[in-house]
Amino acid sequence: FNVLAKSGRAVEAAGDIDVLLLDKTGTITIG
């Protein structure tokens, strides 16, 4: 999926995420 994880721990942590912080520009808006 063209994402490089530095550890398997990060992949697993992604599955247990409770809060997601997203920058507005380029993420929520077209930028």
PDB file of all heavy atoms in Angstrom:
ATOM      1  N   PHE A   1       0.835  -1.195   0.000  1.00  0.00           N
ATOM      2  CA  PHE A   1       0.000   0.000   0.000  1.00  0.00           C
ATOM      3  C   PHE A   1       0.870   1.245   0.000  1.00  0.00           C
ATOM      4  O   PHE A   1       0.396   2.359   0.201  1.00  0.00           O
ATOM      5  CB  PHE A   1      -0.911  -0.017   1.232  1.00  0.00           C
ATOM      6  CG  PHE A   1      -2.186   0.734   1.042  1.00  0.00           C
ATOM      7  CD1 PHE A   1      -3.239   0.158   0.371  1.00  0.00           C
ATOM      8  CD2 PHE A   1      -2.330   2.016   1.534  1.00  0.00           C
ATOM      9  CE1 PHE A   1      -4.417   0.851   0.203  1.00  0.00           C
ATOM     10  CE2 PHE A   1      -3.501   2.712   1.366  1.00  0.00           C
ATOM     11  CZ  PHE A   1      -4.549   2.133   0.702  1.00  0.00           C
ATOM     12  N   ASN A   2       2.171   1.044  -0.210  1.00  0.00           N
ATOM     13  CA  ASN A   2       3.151   2.129  -0.280  1.00  0.00           C
ATOM     14  C   ASN A   2       3.293   2.886   1.033  1.00  0.00           C
ATOM     15  O   ASN A   2       3.495   4.104   1.046  1.00  0.00           O
ATOM     16  CB  ASN A   2       2.820   3.099  -1.421  1.00  0.00           C
ATOM     17  CG  ASN A   2       3.116   2.510  -2.773  1.00  0.00           C
ATOM     18  OD1 ASN A   2       3.898   1.579  -2.889  1.00  0.00           O
ATOM     19  ND2 ASN A   2       2.475   3.024  -3.805  1.00  0.00           N
ATOM     20  N   VAL A   3       3.194   2.151   2.140  1.00  0.00           N
ATOM     21  CA  VAL A   3       3.479   2.716   3.454  1.00  0.00           C
ATOM     22  C   VAL A   3       4.576   1.871   4.080  1.00  0.00           C
ATOM     23  O   VAL A   3       4.460   0.648   4.153  1.00  0.00           O
ATOM     24  CB  VAL A   3       2.235   2.730   4.357  1.00  0.00           C
ATOM     25  CG1 VAL A   3       2.596   3.245   5.752  1.00  0.00           C
ATOM     26  CG2 VAL A   3       1.146   3.600   3.742  1.00  0.00           C
ATOM     27  N   LEU A   4       5.640   2.521   4.519  1.00  0.00           N
ATOM     28  CA  LEU A   4       6.756   1.820   5.137  1.00  0.00           C
ATOM     29  C   LEU A   4       6.654   1.967   6.651  1.00  0.00           C
ATOM     30  O   LEU A   4       6.704   3.071   7.189  1.00  0.00           O
ATOM     31  CB  LEU A   4       8.083   2.413   4.652  1.00  0.00           C
ATOM     32  CG  LEU A   4       9.354   1.831   5.283  1.00  0.00           C
ATOM     33  CD1 LEU A   4       9.487   0.363   4.958  1.00  0.00           C
ATOM     34  CD2 LEU A   4      10.572   2.589   4.816  1.00  0.00           C
ATOM     35  N   ALA A   5       6.463   0.843   7.342  1.00  0.00           N
ATOM     36  CA  ALA A   5       6.414   0.856   8.806  1.00  0.00           C
ATOM     37  C   ALA A   5       7.784   0.479   9.340  1.00  0.00           C
ATOM     38  O   ALA A   5       8.413  -0.458   8.859  1.00  0.00           O
ATOM     39  CB  ALA A   5       5.358  -0.126   9.310  1.00  0.00           C
ATOM     40  N   LYS A   6       8.247   1.208  10.348  1.00  0.00           N
ATOM     41  CA  LYS A   6       9.554   0.926  10.922  1.00  0.00           C
ATOM     42  C   LYS A   6       9.511  -0.233  11.905  1.00  0.00           C
ATOM     43  O   LYS A   6      10.551  -0.732  12.316  1.00  0.00           O
ATOM     44  CB  LYS A   6      10.100   2.187  11.599  1.00  0.00           C
ATOM     45  CG  LYS A   6      10.320   3.342  10.626  1.00  0.00           C
ATOM     46  CD  LYS A   6      10.854   4.572  11.336  1.00  0.00           C
ATOM     47  CE  LYS A   6      11.013   5.730  10.364  1.00  0.00           C
ATOM     48  NZ  LYS A   6      11.489   6.948  11.043  1.00  0.00           N
ATOM     49  N   SER A   7       8.292  -0.657  12.298  1.00  0.00           N
ATOM     50  CA  SER A   7       8.171  -1.785  13.216  1.00  0.00           C
ATOM     51  C   SER A   7       6.783  -2.379  13.102  1.00  0.00           C
ATOM     52  O   SER A   7       5.826  -1.693  12.717  1.00  0.00           O
ATOM     53  CB  SER A   7       8.417  -1.341  14.664  1.00  0.00           C
ATOM     54  OG  SER A   7       7.349  -0.532  15.116  1.00  0.00           O
ATOM     55  N   GLY A   8       6.682  -3.675  13.440  1.00  0.00           N
ATOM     56  CA  GLY A   8       5.378  -4.319  13.480  1.00  0.00           C
ATOM     57  C   GLY A   8       4.514  -3.741  14.579  1.00  0.00           C
ATOM     58  O   GLY A   8       3.280  -3.754  14.482  1.00  0.00           O
ATOM     59  N   ARG A   9       5.144  -3.212  15.622  1.00  0.00           N
ATOM     60  CA  ARG A   9       4.391  -2.604  16.719  1.00  0.00           C
ATOM     61  C   ARG A   9       3.515  -1.458  16.203  1.00  0.00           C
ATOM     62  O   ARG A   9       2.369  -1.278  16.644  1.00  0.00           O
ATOM     63  CB  ARG A   9       5.356  -2.086  17.783  1.00  0.00           C
ATOM     64  CG  ARG A   9       4.677  -1.510  19.015  1.00  0.00           C
ATOM     65  CD  ARG A   9       5.710  -0.820  19.902  1.00  0.00           C
ATOM     66  NE  ARG A   9       6.660  -1.772  20.439  1.00  0.00           N
ATOM     67  CZ  ARG A   9       6.524  -2.366  21.613  1.00  0.00           C
ATOM     68  NH1 ARG A   9       5.462  -2.111  22.355  1.00  0.00           N
ATOM     69  NH2 ARG A   9       7.443  -3.209  22.040  1.00  0.00           N
ATOM     70  N   ALA A  10       4.059  -0.671  15.256  1.00  0.00           N
ATOM     71  CA  ALA A  10       3.296   0.452  14.720  1.00  0.00           C
ATOM     72  C   ALA A  10       2.071  -0.023  13.951  1.00  0.00           C
ATOM     73  O   ALA A  10       1.004   0.596  14.019  1.00  0.00           O
ATOM     74  CB  ALA A  10       4.195   1.303  13.812  1.00  0.00           C
ATOM     75  N   VAL A  11       2.215  -1.129  13.198  1.00  0.00           N
ATOM     76  CA  VAL A  11       1.085  -1.661  12.434  1.00  0.00           C
ATOM     77  C   VAL A  11      -0.020  -2.102  13.388  1.00  0.00           C
ATOM     78  O   VAL A  11      -1.206  -1.829  13.171  1.00  0.00           O
ATOM     79  CB  VAL A  11       1.526  -2.841  11.543  1.00  0.00           C
ATOM     80  CG1 VAL A  11       0.367  -3.319  10.688  1.00  0.00           C
ATOM     81  CG2 VAL A  11       2.698  -2.435  10.661  1.00  0.00           C
ATOM     82  N   GLU A  12       0.360  -2.810  14.456  1.00  0.00           N
ATOM     83  CA  GLU A  12      -0.635  -3.265  15.424  1.00  0.00           C
ATOM     84  C   GLU A  12      -1.276  -2.094  16.148  1.00  0.00           C
ATOM     85  O   GLU A  12      -2.482  -2.082  16.390  1.00  0.00           O
ATOM     86  CB  GLU A  12       0.004  -4.215  16.434  1.00  0.00           C
ATOM     87  CG  GLU A  12       0.139  -5.607  15.903  1.00  0.00           C
ATOM     88  CD  GLU A  12       0.382  -6.610  17.015  1.00  0.00           C
ATOM     89  OE1 GLU A  12       0.481  -6.197  18.186  1.00  0.00           O
ATOM     90  OE2 GLU A  12       0.451  -7.798  16.710  1.00  0.00           O
ATOM     91  N   ALA A  13      -0.460  -1.097  16.506  1.00  0.00           N
ATOM     92  CA  ALA A  13      -1.008   0.064  17.208  1.00  0.00           C
ATOM     93  C   ALA A  13      -2.054   0.761  16.348  1.00  0.00           C
ATOM     94  O   ALA A  13      -3.051   1.273  16.863  1.00  0.00           O
ATOM     95  CB  ALA A  13       0.115   1.035  17.577  1.00  0.00           C
ATOM     96  N   ALA A  14      -1.848   0.763  15.024  1.00  0.00           N
ATOM     97  CA  ALA A  14      -2.821   1.381  14.123  1.00  0.00           C
ATOM     98  C   ALA A  14      -4.180   0.710  14.236  1.00  0.00           C
ATOM     99  O   ALA A  14      -5.216   1.348  14.056  1.00  0.00           O
ATOM    100  CB  ALA A  14      -2.309   1.319  12.681  1.00  0.00           C
ATOM    101  N   GLY A  15      -4.183  -0.574  14.547  1.00  0.00           N
ATOM    102  CA  GLY A  15      -5.445  -1.294  14.681  1.00  0.00           C
ATOM    103  C   GLY A  15      -6.183  -0.989  15.961  1.00  0.00           C
ATOM    104  O   GLY A  15      -7.368  -1.311  16.090  1.00  0.00           O
ATOM    105  N   ASP A  16      -5.507  -0.367  16.929  1.00  0.00           N
ATOM    106  CA  ASP A  16      -6.128  -0.064  18.225  1.00  0.00           C
ATOM    107  C   ASP A  16      -6.308   1.427  18.458  1.00  0.00           C
ATOM    108  O   ASP A  16      -6.575   1.867  19.579  1.00  0.00           O
ATOM    109  CB  ASP A  16      -5.270  -0.642  19.366  1.00  0.00           C
ATOM    110  CG  ASP A  16      -5.398  -2.149  19.467  1.00  0.00           C
ATOM    111  OD1 ASP A  16      -6.486  -2.661  19.157  1.00  0.00           O
ATOM    112  OD2 ASP A  16      -4.419  -2.808  19.853  1.00  0.00           O
ATOM    113  N   ILE A  17      -6.181   2.231  17.400  1.00  0.00           N
ATOM    114  CA  ILE A  17      -6.230   3.682  17.536  1.00  0.00           C
ATOM    115  C   ILE A  17      -7.598   4.145  18.043  1.00  0.00           C
ATOM    116  O   ILE A  17      -8.636   3.665  17.599  1.00  0.00           O
ATOM    117  CB  ILE A  17      -5.900   4.343  16.173  1.00  0.00           C
ATOM    118  CG1 ILE A  17      -4.414   4.228  15.874  1.00  0.00           C
ATOM    119  CG2 ILE A  17      -6.315   5.795  16.157  1.00  0.00           C
ATOM    120  CD1 ILE A  17      -3.529   4.863  16.913  1.00  0.00           C
ATOM    121  N   ASP A  18      -7.562   5.097  18.988  1.00  0.00           N
ATOM    122  CA  ASP A  18      -8.788   5.697  19.528  1.00  0.00           C
ATOM    123  C   ASP A  18      -9.023   7.105  18.992  1.00  0.00           C
ATOM    124  O   ASP A  18     -10.167   7.525  18.827  1.00  0.00           O
ATOM    125  CB  ASP A  18      -8.702   5.776  21.056  1.00  0.00           C
ATOM    126  CG  ASP A  18      -8.517   4.425  21.701  1.00  0.00           C
ATOM    127  OD1 ASP A  18      -9.416   3.586  21.560  1.00  0.00           O
ATOM    128  OD2 ASP A  18      -7.472   4.203  22.344  1.00  0.00           O
ATOM    129  N   VAL A  19      -7.923   7.838  18.744  1.00  0.00           N
ATOM    130  CA  VAL A  19      -8.025   9.228  18.308  1.00  0.00           C
ATOM    131  C   VAL A  19      -7.144   9.428  17.084  1.00  0.00           C
ATOM    132  O   VAL A  19      -5.987   8.980  17.065  1.00  0.00           O
ATOM    133  CB  VAL A  19      -7.580  10.206  19.425  1.00  0.00           C
ATOM    134  CG1 VAL A  19      -7.728  11.651  18.956  1.00  0.00           C
ATOM    135  CG2 VAL A  19      -8.390   9.983  20.686  1.00  0.00           C
ATOM    136  N   LEU A  20      -7.690  10.092  16.076  1.00  0.00           N
ATOM    137  CA  LEU A  20      -6.959  10.324  14.834  1.00  0.00           C
ATOM    138  C   LEU A  20      -6.855  11.827  14.604  1.00  0.00           C
ATOM    139  O   LEU A  20      -7.867  12.520  14.489  1.00  0.00           O
ATOM    140  CB  LEU A  20      -7.707   9.656  13.673  1.00  0.00           C
ATOM    141  CG  LEU A  20      -7.071   9.665  12.296  1.00  0.00           C
ATOM    142  CD1 LEU A  20      -5.706   9.015  12.325  1.00  0.00           C
ATOM    143  CD2 LEU A  20      -7.972   8.959  11.301  1.00  0.00           C
ATOM    144  N   LEU A  21      -5.617  12.350  14.581  1.00  0.00           N
ATOM    145  CA  LEU A  21      -5.382  13.767  14.327  1.00  0.00           C
ATOM    146  C   LEU A  21      -5.049  13.959  12.852  1.00  0.00           C
ATOM    147  O   LEU A  21      -4.138  13.313  12.334  1.00  0.00           O
ATOM    148  CB  LEU A  21      -4.231  14.294  15.183  1.00  0.00           C
ATOM    149  CG  LEU A  21      -4.308  14.052  16.700  1.00  0.00           C
ATOM    150  CD1 LEU A  21      -3.148  14.746  17.392  1.00  0.00           C
ATOM    151  CD2 LEU A  21      -5.623  14.530  17.260  1.00  0.00           C
ATOM    152  N   LEU A  22      -5.777  14.856  12.195  1.00  0.00           N
ATOM    153  CA  LEU A  22      -5.591  15.074  10.764  1.00  0.00           C
ATOM    154  C   LEU A  22      -5.410  16.562  10.491  1.00  0.00           C
ATOM    155  O   LEU A  22      -6.213  17.384  10.952  1.00  0.00           O
ATOM    156  CB  LEU A  22      -6.797  14.558   9.975  1.00  0.00           C
ATOM    157  CG  LEU A  22      -7.051  13.058  10.047  1.00  0.00           C
ATOM    158  CD1 LEU A  22      -8.516  12.780  10.229  1.00  0.00           C
ATOM    159  CD2 LEU A  22      -6.534  12.368   8.811  1.00  0.00           C
ATOM    160  N   ASP A  23      -4.361  16.894   9.747  1.00  0.00           N
ATOM    161  CA  ASP A  23      -4.161  18.273   9.340  1.00  0.00           C
ATOM    162  C   ASP A  23      -5.249  18.662   8.349  1.00  0.00           C
ATOM    163  O   ASP A  23      -5.663  17.850   7.521  1.00  0.00           O
ATOM    164  CB  ASP A  23      -2.776  18.417   8.699  1.00  0.00           C
ATOM    165  CG  ASP A  23      -2.446  19.865   8.422  1.00  0.00           C
ATOM    166  OD1 ASP A  23      -2.520  20.673   9.359  1.00  0.00           O
ATOM    167  OD2 ASP A  23      -2.126  20.184   7.271  1.00  0.00           O
ATOM    168  N   LYS A  24      -5.716  19.918   8.444  1.00  0.00           N
ATOM    169  CA  LYS A  24      -6.797  20.344   7.555  1.00  0.00           C
ATOM    170  C   LYS A  24      -6.332  20.408   6.104  1.00  0.00           C
ATOM    171  O   LYS A  24      -6.887  19.755   5.221  1.00  0.00           O
ATOM    172  CB  LYS A  24      -7.312  21.717   7.989  1.00  0.00           C
ATOM    173  CG  LYS A  24      -8.471  22.233   7.137  1.00  0.00           C
ATOM    174  CD  LYS A  24      -8.600  23.741   7.197  1.00  0.00           C
ATOM    175  CE  LYS A  24      -7.510  24.431   6.399  1.00  0.00           C
ATOM    176  NZ  LYS A  24      -7.649  25.883   6.314  1.00  0.00           N
ATOM    177  N   THR A  25      -5.283  21.182   5.862  1.00  0.00           N
ATOM    178  CA  THR A  25      -4.862  21.458   4.493  1.00  0.00           C
ATOM    179  C   THR A  25      -4.233  20.224   3.857  1.00  0.00           C
ATOM    180  O   THR A  25      -3.270  19.661   4.380  1.00  0.00           O
ATOM    181  CB  THR A  25      -3.862  22.623   4.455  1.00  0.00           C
ATOM    182  OG1 THR A  25      -4.453  23.746   5.101  1.00  0.00           O
ATOM    183  CG2 THR A  25      -3.501  22.985   3.029  1.00  0.00           C
ATOM    184  N   GLY A  26      -4.781  19.811   2.741  1.00  0.00           N
ATOM    185  CA  GLY A  26      -4.252  18.660   2.015  1.00  0.00           C
ATOM    186  C   GLY A  26      -4.793  17.338   2.500  1.00  0.00           C
ATOM    187  O   GLY A  26      -4.606  16.320   1.845  1.00  0.00           O
ATOM    188  N   THR A  27      -5.465  17.329   3.641  1.00  0.00           N
ATOM    189  CA  THR A  27      -6.033  16.088   4.168  1.00  0.00           C
ATOM    190  C   THR A  27      -7.549  16.145   4.117  1.00  0.00           C
ATOM    191  O   THR A  27      -8.202  15.321   3.481  1.00  0.00           O
ATOM    192  CB  THR A  27      -5.576  15.850   5.615  1.00  0.00           C
ATOM    193  OG1 THR A  27      -4.164  15.882   5.668  1.00  0.00           O
ATOM    194  CG2 THR A  27      -6.072  14.519   6.130  1.00  0.00           C
ATOM    195  N   ILE A  28      -8.104  17.152   4.780  1.00  0.00           N
ATOM    196  CA  ILE A  28      -9.554  17.330   4.786  1.00  0.00           C
ATOM    197  C   ILE A  28      -9.988  18.215   3.626  1.00  0.00           C
ATOM    198  O   ILE A  28     -11.012  17.960   2.993  1.00  0.00           O
ATOM    199  CB  ILE A  28      -9.996  17.920   6.135  1.00  0.00           C
ATOM    200  CG1 ILE A  28      -9.727  16.895   7.248  1.00  0.00           C
ATOM    201  CG2 ILE A  28     -11.466  18.314   6.120  1.00  0.00           C
ATOM    202  CD1 ILE A  28      -9.960  17.418   8.641  1.00  0.00           C
ATOM    203  N   THR A  29      -9.193  19.241   3.336  1.00  0.00           N
ATOM    204  CA  THR A  29      -9.461  20.083   2.172  1.00  0.00           C
ATOM    205  C   THR A  29      -8.482  19.716   1.063  1.00  0.00           C
ATOM    206  O   THR A  29      -7.496  19.019   1.297  1.00  0.00           O
ATOM    207  CB  THR A  29      -9.316  21.575   2.532  1.00  0.00           C
ATOM    208  OG1 THR A  29      -7.950  21.838   2.893  1.00  0.00           O
ATOM    209  CG2 THR A  29     -10.215  21.934   3.695  1.00  0.00           C
ATOM    210  N   ILE A  30      -8.755  20.206  -0.140  1.00  0.00           N
ATOM    211  CA  ILE A  30      -7.907  19.820  -1.279  1.00  0.00           C
ATOM    212  C   ILE A  30      -6.531  20.461  -1.195  1.00  0.00           C
ATOM    213  O   ILE A  30      -5.639  20.100  -1.947  1.00  0.00           O
ATOM    214  CB  ILE A  30      -8.570  20.183  -2.631  1.00  0.00           C
ATOM    215  CG1 ILE A  30      -8.789  21.693  -2.737  1.00  0.00           C
ATOM    216  CG2 ILE A  30      -9.864  19.429  -2.812  1.00  0.00           C
ATOM    217  CD1 ILE A  30      -9.279  22.136  -4.107  1.00  0.00           C
ATOM    218  N   GLY A  31      -6.352  21.424  -0.288  1.00  0.00           N
ATOM    219  CA  GLY A  31      -5.023  21.985  -0.066  1.00  0.00           C
ATOM    220  C   GLY A  31      -4.831  23.361  -0.650  1.00  0.00           C
ATOM    221  O   GLY A  31      -4.065  24.162  -0.127  1.00  0.00           O
TER     222      GLY A  31
END
